[in-house]
Every structure is written in structure tokens, then in C-alpha cells.
Amino acid sequence: MIRLVLAMNDDLLRRAKAYPYRIPERSYLLANGREQRAENFSLPELSCRRPVLACGSNQSPERLAVKFADIDGGPIPMIRAWLQDYDVVYSAHFTAYGSIPATLRYSPGTTVFLFVAWLTAGEQNRLHQTESVGLNYDFGRLDGIEMEMDGGGVLDRVFVYLSRRGCLAQNDAPIALAAIKAEGRKWPALTEEQILGLARDYLEPGVRLDDFILAAIADEDLRRARGDALEKHERPFAHPAFTPIAV
């Protein structure tokens, strides 16, 4: 029994520390829960799909396969893109699986490499459920952007989830995700394990990091209390180009 508990804890810790999980280097199609690389597929019709910016684990085919496991909306195009004047930073809250997740942040002069998920209405509704809209994230439209996609397409607006909690900061500076590639990055970048360690130092210094993570996974009330306690270390997202949309 002890070995089983230890193995389960190891799995939980690996998942928490592995965020945002594997992110492909090129566009792909998610079909029947599997990733098809760009050279092996033709894009389906996009006119009936909505472009939704994927900032964190929503770029990962393994995570998307879980989220859309029982949704039959056809193959999902995931198009690699270069977004000007933004970066991906850590949100000031904890997920149910123990990670500190991502959010977008205005950063003039930075180019960040992301994916655009082209979703049907049914797929969009499922993603709303997984993103805790109204609790941790707001959903809306980002206008006036400059984003070039694989294949040469350009978008000047996109839909996006933005953290209601703001971004986690250190020495008054937002903290970028080291796992997300960017050019002209202005802020320090940390791995998931490093940002969890920083949050531990803010909230419960001296506690072993693995114990800190496991406690958050086991207790929803504790996760929320810790998120609330991070308020003094957060910086809000404020940009006139973002228009919230009720879901």
C-alpha cells in the first residue's frame, strides 16, 4: 500500500511539474486524439471555426486529446503563430493538478511563439469548461494584434482566455514561461518547478516543495486560499484591446 501511495504521488508530482507539457515545433492537426504533422495533412475549412489563442498547455496535443476525448467536432487545426508585442507569463493561481498555469501579457517589442486552435462551437464550449471561465479566467476577443501564422496567413484579432488573477511577479516584474519560446523577451523566465518553488517561498517558506504541491492537489480550499494569498505578488492584465465576452 505504501508503495502504491508513493507511486501515485510521483505521478501527481510529475504532472504538476511538467506544465505546459510537450509543445510541438510546427503546426499540427489533432485527429482522433492523435497528432498529425503539418506535412501530412491539408487544412479543413476554417470559416465555421473560431481562432482561439493557446498560451499554455492548450498547445500540447496530449492535453488537448484529453480535453476533447468525447467531442466529435472533426480534426482540430493547431496552427503555429508568431504574436507581436506579447509574452506568456505565469498566472497568480494554482490548477487542480498542482501547477501554476499561463496567461498572456502585453510586452511591447517581444515576439512570442504560440498556437492558434481553430475550434467549432462544441469544442469551444468544452474548452470553456476546462478553463474555469468566470473563476480564474475571462474569455474574450483581442483586437489590433499582429500575428503571422504558418503558411503566411495574418490575424489582427483572436479569441483568448486571460487570467482574472493577473500574473505572478518577482521584484515587480512578470515572470515568463521558460518553456514558451520568445524573441526580445524583457522579463525573467522560470520553469514550472522553479515558479512553484517561488510560490512556496512566498507562502510557506521552509516547506518541502513536493509536500507543498501535494497539499494543493489534495485540498481545493487550500488552493483557493493560496491563490488569494498571492494577490500581493500579482500584476493585473489591463489592455484596451481586450473585450470580455460572456459565456
C-alpha atoms as a PDB file:
ATOM      1  CA  MET A   1       0.000   0.000   0.000  1.00  0.00           C
ATOM      2  CA  ILE A   2       2.818   2.404   0.881  1.00  0.00           C
ATOM      3  CA  ARG A   3       4.486   1.708  -2.465  1.00  0.00           C
ATOM      4  CA  LEU A   4       1.206   2.365  -4.273  1.00  0.00           C
ATOM      5  CA  VAL A   5       0.729   5.696  -2.499  1.00  0.00           C
ATOM      6  CA  LEU A   6       4.307   6.708  -3.264  1.00  0.00           C
ATOM      7  CA  ALA A   7       3.859   5.804  -6.934  1.00  0.00           C
ATOM      8  CA  MET A   8       0.619   7.789  -7.131  1.00  0.00           C
ATOM      9  CA  ASN A   9       2.316  10.778  -5.526  1.00  0.00           C
ATOM     10  CA  ASP A  10       5.172  10.536  -8.018  1.00  0.00           C
ATOM     11  CA  ASP A  11       2.675  10.627 -10.888  1.00  0.00           C
ATOM     12  CA  LEU A  12       0.910  13.657  -9.403  1.00  0.00           C
ATOM     13  CA  LEU A  13       4.185  15.496  -8.899  1.00  0.00           C
ATOM     14  CA  ARG A  14       5.391  14.743 -12.431  1.00  0.00           C
ATOM     15  CA  ARG A  15       2.170  16.125 -13.874  1.00  0.00           C
ATOM     16  CA  ALA A  16       2.318  19.282 -11.766  1.00  0.00           C
ATOM     17  CA  LYS A  17       5.956  19.992 -12.620  1.00  0.00           C
ATOM     18  CA  ALA A  18       5.698  19.125 -16.333  1.00  0.00           C
ATOM     19  CA  TYR A  19       3.353  22.009 -17.247  1.00  0.00           C
ATOM     20  CA  PRO A  20       2.873  23.169 -20.047  1.00  0.00           C
ATOM     21  CA  TYR A  21       3.818  19.690 -21.330  1.00  0.00           C
ATOM     22  CA  ARG A  22       5.147  18.844 -24.776  1.00  0.00           C
ATOM     23  CA  ILE A  23       4.667  21.611 -27.327  1.00  0.00           C
ATOM     24  CA  PRO A  24       5.344  20.739 -30.987  1.00  0.00           C
ATOM     25  CA  GLU A  25       7.711  22.810 -33.093  1.00  0.00           C
ATOM     26  CA  ARG A  26       5.298  23.082 -36.016  1.00  0.00           C
ATOM     27  CA  SER A  27       1.609  23.197 -36.902  1.00  0.00           C
ATOM     28  CA  TYR A  28      -0.393  20.017 -36.492  1.00  0.00           C
ATOM     29  CA  LEU A  29      -3.849  18.541 -36.758  1.00  0.00           C
ATOM     30  CA  LEU A  30      -5.426  16.809 -33.757  1.00  0.00           C
ATOM     31  CA  ALA A  31      -7.448  13.944 -35.200  1.00  0.00           C
ATOM     32  CA  ASN A  32      -8.972  11.124 -33.147  1.00  0.00           C
ATOM     33  CA  GLY A  33      -6.783  12.106 -30.223  1.00  0.00           C
ATOM     34  CA  ARG A  34      -3.592  11.887 -32.263  1.00  0.00           C
ATOM     35  CA  GLU A  35      -1.207  14.483 -33.616  1.00  0.00           C
ATOM     36  CA  GLN A  36      -0.708  14.667 -37.377  1.00  0.00           C
ATOM     37  CA  ARG A  37       2.186  16.829 -38.513  1.00  0.00           C
ATOM     38  CA  ALA A  38       1.702  19.633 -40.990  1.00  0.00           C
ATOM     39  CA  GLU A  39       3.373  17.901 -43.892  1.00  0.00           C
ATOM     40  CA  ASN A  40       0.873  15.039 -43.618  1.00  0.00           C
ATOM     41  CA  PHE A  41      -2.424  16.930 -43.756  1.00  0.00           C
ATOM     42  CA  SER A  42      -4.412  19.548 -45.618  1.00  0.00           C
ATOM     43  CA  LEU A  43      -6.262  22.172 -43.608  1.00  0.00           C
ATOM     44  CA  PRO A  44     -10.009  21.648 -43.313  1.00  0.00           C
ATOM     45  CA  GLU A  45     -12.407  24.521 -43.971  1.00  0.00           C
ATOM     46  CA  LEU A  46     -11.835  27.189 -41.310  1.00  0.00           C
ATOM     47  CA  SER A  47     -14.792  29.511 -41.982  1.00  0.00           C
ATOM     48  CA  CYS A  48     -17.004  27.698 -39.451  1.00  0.00           C
ATOM     49  CA  ARG A  49     -14.272  27.639 -36.807  1.00  0.00           C
ATOM     50  CA  ARG A  50     -13.148  30.291 -34.315  1.00  0.00           C
ATOM     51  CA  PRO A  51      -9.440  31.156 -33.840  1.00  0.00           C
ATOM     52  CA  VAL A  52      -8.562  30.763 -30.152  1.00  0.00           C
ATOM     53  CA  LEU A  53      -5.073  31.582 -28.934  1.00  0.00           C
ATOM     54  CA  ALA A  54      -3.421  28.745 -26.998  1.00  0.00           C
ATOM     55  CA  CYS A  55      -0.950  30.127 -24.462  1.00  0.00           C
ATOM     56  CA  GLY A  56      -0.086  27.275 -22.098  1.00  0.00           C
ATOM     57  CA  SER A  57      -0.968  23.582 -22.013  1.00  0.00           C
ATOM     58  CA  ASN A  58      -3.654  24.093 -24.689  1.00  0.00           C
ATOM     59  CA  GLN A  59      -0.761  23.958 -27.146  1.00  0.00           C
ATOM     60  CA  SER A  60       0.029  20.379 -26.163  1.00  0.00           C
ATOM     61  CA  PRO A  61      -1.549  17.601 -28.268  1.00  0.00           C
ATOM     62  CA  GLU A  62      -1.544  15.218 -25.310  1.00  0.00           C
ATOM     63  CA  ARG A  63      -3.502  17.630 -23.133  1.00  0.00           C
ATOM     64  CA  LEU A  64      -5.935  18.539 -25.920  1.00  0.00           C
ATOM     65  CA  ALA A  65      -6.576  14.864 -26.603  1.00  0.00           C
ATOM     66  CA  VAL A  66      -7.777  14.500 -23.007  1.00  0.00           C
ATOM     67  CA  LYS A  67      -9.918  17.645 -23.087  1.00  0.00           C
ATOM     68  CA  PHE A  68     -11.650  16.711 -26.353  1.00  0.00           C
ATOM     69  CA  ALA A  69     -11.775  12.958 -25.848  1.00  0.00           C
ATOM     70  CA  ASP A  70     -15.559  12.718 -26.210  1.00  0.00           C
ATOM     71  CA  ILE A  71     -16.142  15.669 -28.584  1.00  0.00           C
ATOM     72  CA  ASP A  72     -16.867  14.750 -32.191  1.00  0.00           C
ATOM     73  CA  GLY A  73     -16.168  18.011 -33.997  1.00  0.00           C
ATOM     74  CA  GLY A  74     -13.764  16.665 -36.582  1.00  0.00           C
ATOM     75  CA  PRO A  75      -9.994  17.237 -36.736  1.00  0.00           C
ATOM     76  CA  ILE A  76      -8.791  20.339 -34.880  1.00  0.00           C
ATOM     77  CA  PRO A  77      -6.262  22.516 -36.750  1.00  0.00           C
ATOM     78  CA  MET A  78      -3.488  23.785 -34.456  1.00  0.00           C
ATOM     79  CA  ILE A  79      -1.561  26.443 -36.367  1.00  0.00           C
ATOM     80  CA  ARG A  80       1.801  27.730 -35.215  1.00  0.00           C
ATOM     81  CA  ALA A  81       1.897  31.537 -34.960  1.00  0.00           C
ATOM     82  CA  TRP A  82       4.154  34.453 -34.071  1.00  0.00           C
ATOM     83  CA  LEU A  83       2.438  37.100 -31.942  1.00  0.00           C
ATOM     84  CA  GLN A  84       3.991  40.550 -31.773  1.00  0.00           C
ATOM     85  CA  ASP A  85       4.176  42.650 -28.586  1.00  0.00           C
ATOM     86  CA  TYR A  86       3.034  39.962 -26.129  1.00  0.00           C
ATOM     87  CA  ASP A  87       4.593  37.309 -23.927  1.00  0.00           C
ATOM     88  CA  VAL A  88       3.323  34.311 -21.944  1.00  0.00           C
ATOM     89  CA  VAL A  89       3.678  34.618 -18.175  1.00  0.00           C
ATOM     90  CA  TYR A  90       2.564  32.739 -15.073  1.00  0.00           C
ATOM     91  CA  SER A  91      -0.890  33.425 -13.660  1.00  0.00           C
ATOM     92  CA  ALA A  92      -1.236  34.019  -9.924  1.00  0.00           C
ATOM     93  CA  HIS A  93      -3.260  30.893  -9.127  1.00  0.00           C
ATOM     94  CA  PHE A  94      -2.990  27.112  -8.862  1.00  0.00           C
ATOM     95  CA  THR A  95      -4.648  24.450 -11.010  1.00  0.00           C
ATOM     96  CA  ALA A  96      -6.441  21.411  -9.613  1.00  0.00           C
ATOM     97  CA  TYR A  97      -3.443  19.283 -10.613  1.00  0.00           C
ATOM     98  CA  GLY A  98      -0.992  21.475  -8.711  1.00  0.00           C
ATOM     99  CA  SER A  99       0.586  23.593 -11.454  1.00  0.00           C
ATOM    100  CA  ILE A 100       0.788  27.358 -11.815  1.00  0.00           C
ATOM    101  CA  PRO A 101      -0.648  27.961 -15.306  1.00  0.00           C
ATOM    102  CA  ALA A 102      -0.085  30.509 -18.054  1.00  0.00           C
ATOM    103  CA  THR A 103      -1.669  33.739 -19.181  1.00  0.00           C
ATOM    104  CA  LEU A 104      -0.931  36.365 -21.833  1.00  0.00           C
ATOM    105  CA  ARG A 105       0.770  39.690 -21.043  1.00  0.00           C
ATOM    106  CA  TYR A 106       1.304  42.804 -23.155  1.00  0.00           C
ATOM    107  CA  SER A 107       5.044  43.217 -23.794  1.00  0.00           C
ATOM    108  CA  PRO A 108       5.984  45.758 -26.487  1.00  0.00           C
ATOM    109  CA  GLY A 109       8.908  44.570 -28.592  1.00  0.00           C
ATOM    110  CA  THR A 110       8.535  40.880 -27.683  1.00  0.00           C
ATOM    111  CA  THR A 111       7.515  38.200 -30.191  1.00  0.00           C
ATOM    112  CA  VAL A 112       6.141  35.007 -28.668  1.00  0.00           C
ATOM    113  CA  PHE A 113       5.658  31.671 -30.448  1.00  0.00           C
ATOM    114  CA  LEU A 114       2.212  30.176 -29.840  1.00  0.00           C
ATOM    115  CA  PHE A 115      -0.558  28.156 -31.466  1.00  0.00           C
ATOM    116  CA  VAL A 116      -3.973  29.153 -32.746  1.00  0.00           C
ATOM    117  CA  ALA A 117      -6.606  26.474 -32.146  1.00  0.00           C
ATOM    118  CA  TRP A 118      -9.408  26.631 -34.733  1.00  0.00           C
ATOM    119  CA  LEU A 119     -12.459  25.388 -32.844  1.00  0.00           C
ATOM    120  CA  THR A 120     -16.078  24.554 -33.586  1.00  0.00           C
ATOM    121  CA  ALA A 121     -18.805  25.817 -31.245  1.00  0.00           C
ATOM    122  CA  GLY A 122     -18.899  22.472 -29.440  1.00  0.00           C
ATOM    123  CA  GLU A 123     -15.137  22.402 -28.978  1.00  0.00           C
ATOM    124  CA  GLN A 124     -15.195  25.978 -27.735  1.00  0.00           C
ATOM    125  CA  ASN A 125     -17.846  25.136 -25.141  1.00  0.00           C
ATOM    126  CA  ARG A 126     -15.761  22.244 -23.873  1.00  0.00           C
ATOM    127  CA  LEU A 127     -12.715  24.466 -23.561  1.00  0.00           C
ATOM    128  CA  HIS A 128     -14.744  26.984 -21.545  1.00  0.00           C
ATOM    129  CA  GLN A 129     -15.396  24.202 -19.030  1.00  0.00           C
ATOM    130  CA  THR A 130     -11.734  23.272 -18.724  1.00  0.00           C
ATOM    131  CA  GLU A 131     -10.532  26.870 -18.367  1.00  0.00           C
ATOM    132  CA  SER A 132     -12.640  27.790 -15.296  1.00  0.00           C
ATOM    133  CA  VAL A 133     -14.178  30.775 -17.097  1.00  0.00           C
ATOM    134  CA  GLY A 134     -15.614  33.211 -14.575  1.00  0.00           C
ATOM    135  CA  LEU A 135     -13.435  31.870 -11.769  1.00  0.00           C
ATOM    136  CA  ASN A 136      -9.810  32.002 -12.881  1.00  0.00           C
ATOM    137  CA  TYR A 137     -10.089  33.193 -16.485  1.00  0.00           C
ATOM    138  CA  ASP A 138     -12.094  35.615 -18.595  1.00  0.00           C
ATOM    139  CA  PHE A 139     -12.841  34.798 -22.222  1.00  0.00           C
ATOM    140  CA  GLY A 140     -12.844  37.487 -24.861  1.00  0.00           C
ATOM    141  CA  ARG A 141     -11.518  38.957 -28.082  1.00  0.00           C
ATOM    142  CA  LEU A 142      -8.112  40.560 -28.529  1.00  0.00           C
ATOM    143  CA  ASP A 143      -8.149  43.167 -31.312  1.00  0.00           C
ATOM    144  CA  GLY A 144      -5.462  45.150 -33.071  1.00  0.00           C
ATOM    145  CA  ILE A 145      -2.829  42.443 -32.856  1.00  0.00           C
ATOM    146  CA  GLU A 146      -0.187  41.443 -35.383  1.00  0.00           C
ATOM    147  CA  MET A 147       0.125  37.677 -35.649  1.00  0.00           C
ATOM    148  CA  GLU A 148       1.624  35.741 -38.543  1.00  0.00           C
ATOM    149  CA  MET A 149       0.688  32.085 -38.911  1.00  0.00           C
ATOM    150  CA  ASP A 150       2.409  29.149 -40.575  1.00  0.00           C
ATOM    151  CA  GLY A 151       1.659  29.357 -44.262  1.00  0.00           C
ATOM    152  CA  GLY A 152       1.737  33.156 -44.348  1.00  0.00           C
ATOM    153  CA  GLY A 153      -1.735  33.977 -43.010  1.00  0.00           C
ATOM    154  CA  VAL A 154      -2.039  37.027 -40.762  1.00  0.00           C
ATOM    155  CA  LEU A 155      -4.576  37.661 -37.989  1.00  0.00           C
ATOM    156  CA  ASP A 156      -5.403  41.055 -36.486  1.00  0.00           C
ATOM    157  CA  ARG A 157      -7.816  39.645 -33.914  1.00  0.00           C
ATOM    158  CA  VAL A 158      -8.089  36.419 -31.966  1.00  0.00           C
ATOM    159  CA  PHE A 159     -10.085  34.966 -29.075  1.00  0.00           C
ATOM    160  CA  VAL A 160      -8.232  34.290 -25.848  1.00  0.00           C
ATOM    161  CA  TYR A 161      -8.507  33.294 -22.195  1.00  0.00           C
ATOM    162  CA  LEU A 162      -6.909  35.813 -19.817  1.00  0.00           C
ATOM    163  CA  SER A 163      -6.309  35.265 -16.133  1.00  0.00           C
ATOM    164  CA  ARG A 164      -8.594  37.122 -13.756  1.00  0.00           C
ATOM    165  CA  ARG A 165      -5.858  36.724 -11.162  1.00  0.00           C
ATOM    166  CA  GLY A 166      -3.225  38.731 -13.007  1.00  0.00           C
ATOM    167  CA  CYS A 167       0.322  37.478 -13.382  1.00  0.00           C
ATOM    168  CA  LEU A 168       2.741  36.337 -10.721  1.00  0.00           C
ATOM    169  CA  ALA A 169       5.620  38.767 -10.262  1.00  0.00           C
ATOM    170  CA  GLN A 170       9.064  38.860  -8.715  1.00  0.00           C
ATOM    171  CA  ASN A 171      10.788  42.158  -7.913  1.00  0.00           C
ATOM    172  CA  ASP A 172       7.783  43.874  -9.559  1.00  0.00           C
ATOM    173  CA  ALA A 173       8.392  42.087 -12.892  1.00  0.00           C
ATOM    174  CA  PRO A 174       6.127  39.467 -14.507  1.00  0.00           C
ATOM    175  CA  ILE A 175       7.661  36.013 -14.854  1.00  0.00           C
ATOM    176  CA  ALA A 176       7.648  34.356 -18.275  1.00  0.00           C
ATOM    177  CA  LEU A 177       7.366  30.633 -19.008  1.00  0.00           C
ATOM    178  CA  ALA A 178      10.786  29.272 -19.899  1.00  0.00           C
ATOM    179  CA  ALA A 179       9.068  26.504 -21.904  1.00  0.00           C
ATOM    180  CA  ILE A 180       7.490  29.045 -24.293  1.00  0.00           C
ATOM    181  CA  LYS A 181       9.857  30.426 -26.919  1.00  0.00           C
ATOM    182  CA  ALA A 182      10.054  34.173 -27.429  1.00  0.00           C
ATOM    183  CA  GLU A 183      12.307  36.760 -29.054  1.00  0.00           C
ATOM    184  CA  GLY A 184      13.054  40.089 -27.396  1.00  0.00           C
ATOM    185  CA  ARG A 185      11.827  38.835 -24.022  1.00  0.00           C
ATOM    186  CA  LYS A 186      12.070  41.533 -21.350  1.00  0.00           C
ATOM    187  CA  TRP A 187      11.242  39.586 -18.221  1.00  0.00           C
ATOM    188  CA  PRO A 188      12.927  36.712 -16.354  1.00  0.00           C
ATOM    189  CA  ALA A 189      11.765  33.222 -17.351  1.00  0.00           C
ATOM    190  CA  LEU A 190      11.363  30.273 -14.988  1.00  0.00           C
ATOM    191  CA  THR A 191      10.490  26.618 -15.380  1.00  0.00           C
ATOM    192  CA  GLU A 192       7.326  25.240 -13.764  1.00  0.00           C
ATOM    193  CA  GLU A 193       9.286  23.694 -10.912  1.00  0.00           C
ATOM    194  CA  GLN A 194      11.068  26.995 -10.310  1.00  0.00           C
ATOM    195  CA  ILE A 195       7.824  29.020 -10.233  1.00  0.00           C
ATOM    196  CA  LEU A 196       6.274  26.526  -7.826  1.00  0.00           C
ATOM    197  CA  GLY A 197       9.332  26.953  -5.639  1.00  0.00           C
ATOM    198  CA  LEU A 198       8.915  30.720  -5.744  1.00  0.00           C
ATOM    199  CA  ALA A 199       5.246  30.443  -4.759  1.00  0.00           C
ATOM    200  CA  ARG A 200       6.235  28.125  -1.913  1.00  0.00           C
ATOM    201  CA  ASP A 201       8.796  30.698  -0.746  1.00  0.00           C
ATOM    202  CA  TYR A 202       6.146  33.421  -0.846  1.00  0.00           C
ATOM    203  CA  LEU A 203       3.505  31.437   1.028  1.00  0.00           C
ATOM    204  CA  GLU A 204       5.098  28.666   3.099  1.00  0.00           C
ATOM    205  CA  PRO A 205       8.872  29.094   3.217  1.00  0.00           C
ATOM    206  CA  GLY A 206      10.724  26.102   4.548  1.00  0.00           C
ATOM    207  CA  VAL A 207       8.112  23.561   3.457  1.00  0.00           C
ATOM    208  CA  ARG A 208       9.434  20.799   1.205  1.00  0.00           C
ATOM    209  CA  LEU A 209       8.346  21.610  -2.368  1.00  0.00           C
ATOM    210  CA  ASP A 210       6.797  18.193  -3.060  1.00  0.00           C
ATOM    211  CA  ASP A 211       4.726  18.461   0.128  1.00  0.00           C
ATOM    212  CA  PHE A 212       3.636  21.970  -0.871  1.00  0.00           C
ATOM    213  CA  ILE A 213       2.444  20.697  -4.279  1.00  0.00           C
ATOM    214  CA  LEU A 214       0.687  17.581  -2.985  1.00  0.00           C
ATOM    215  CA  ALA A 215      -1.182  19.569  -0.334  1.00  0.00           C
ATOM    216  CA  ALA A 216      -2.608  21.865  -3.020  1.00  0.00           C
ATOM    217  CA  ILE A 217      -3.709  18.940  -5.172  1.00  0.00           C
ATOM    218  CA  ALA A 218      -5.491  17.306  -2.241  1.00  0.00           C
ATOM    219  CA  ASP A 219      -7.343  20.368  -0.955  1.00  0.00           C
ATOM    220  CA  GLU A 220      -9.417  22.691  -3.157  1.00  0.00           C
ATOM    221  CA  ASP A 221      -9.989  25.181  -0.341  1.00  0.00           C
ATOM    222  CA  LEU A 222      -6.243  25.371   0.245  1.00  0.00           C
ATOM    223  CA  ARG A 223      -5.611  26.028  -3.455  1.00  0.00           C
ATOM    224  CA  ARG A 224      -8.059  28.920  -3.441  1.00  0.00           C
ATOM    225  CA  ALA A 225      -6.650  30.330  -0.207  1.00  0.00           C
ATOM    226  CA  ARG A 226      -3.151  30.198  -1.636  1.00  0.00           C
ATOM    227  CA  GLY A 227      -4.321  31.904  -4.817  1.00  0.00           C
ATOM    228  CA  ASP A 228      -5.896  34.663  -2.745  1.00  0.00           C
ATOM    229  CA  ALA A 229      -2.688  35.000  -0.735  1.00  0.00           C
ATOM    230  CA  LEU A 230      -0.699  35.547  -3.939  1.00  0.00           C
ATOM    231  CA  GLU A 231      -2.599  38.801  -4.620  1.00  0.00           C
ATOM    232  CA  LYS A 232       0.181  40.943  -3.191  1.00  0.00           C
ATOM    233  CA  HIS A 233       2.607  39.327  -5.649  1.00  0.00           C
ATOM    234  CA  GLU A 234       0.433  39.732  -8.771  1.00  0.00           C
ATOM    235  CA  ARG A 235       0.177  42.324 -11.528  1.00  0.00           C
ATOM    236  CA  PRO A 236      -3.203  42.720 -13.289  1.00  0.00           C
ATOM    237  CA  PHE A 237      -3.715  42.439 -17.041  1.00  0.00           C
ATOM    238  CA  ALA A 238      -5.045  45.705 -18.410  1.00  0.00           C
ATOM    239  CA  HIS A 239      -5.153  46.377 -22.142  1.00  0.00           C
ATOM    240  CA  PRO A 240      -7.827  48.251 -24.116  1.00  0.00           C
ATOM    241  CA  ALA A 241      -7.579  45.760 -26.982  1.00  0.00           C
ATOM    242  CA  PHE A 242      -9.261  43.030 -24.891  1.00  0.00           C
ATOM    243  CA  THR A 243     -13.077  42.802 -24.947  1.00  0.00           C
ATOM    244  CA  PRO A 244     -14.584  40.273 -22.482  1.00  0.00           C
ATOM    245  CA  ILE A 245     -17.352  38.034 -23.848  1.00  0.00           C
ATOM    246  CA  ALA A 246     -19.973  36.394 -21.629  1.00  0.00           C
ATOM    247  CA  VAL A 247     -20.105  32.594 -21.950  1.00  0.00           C
END
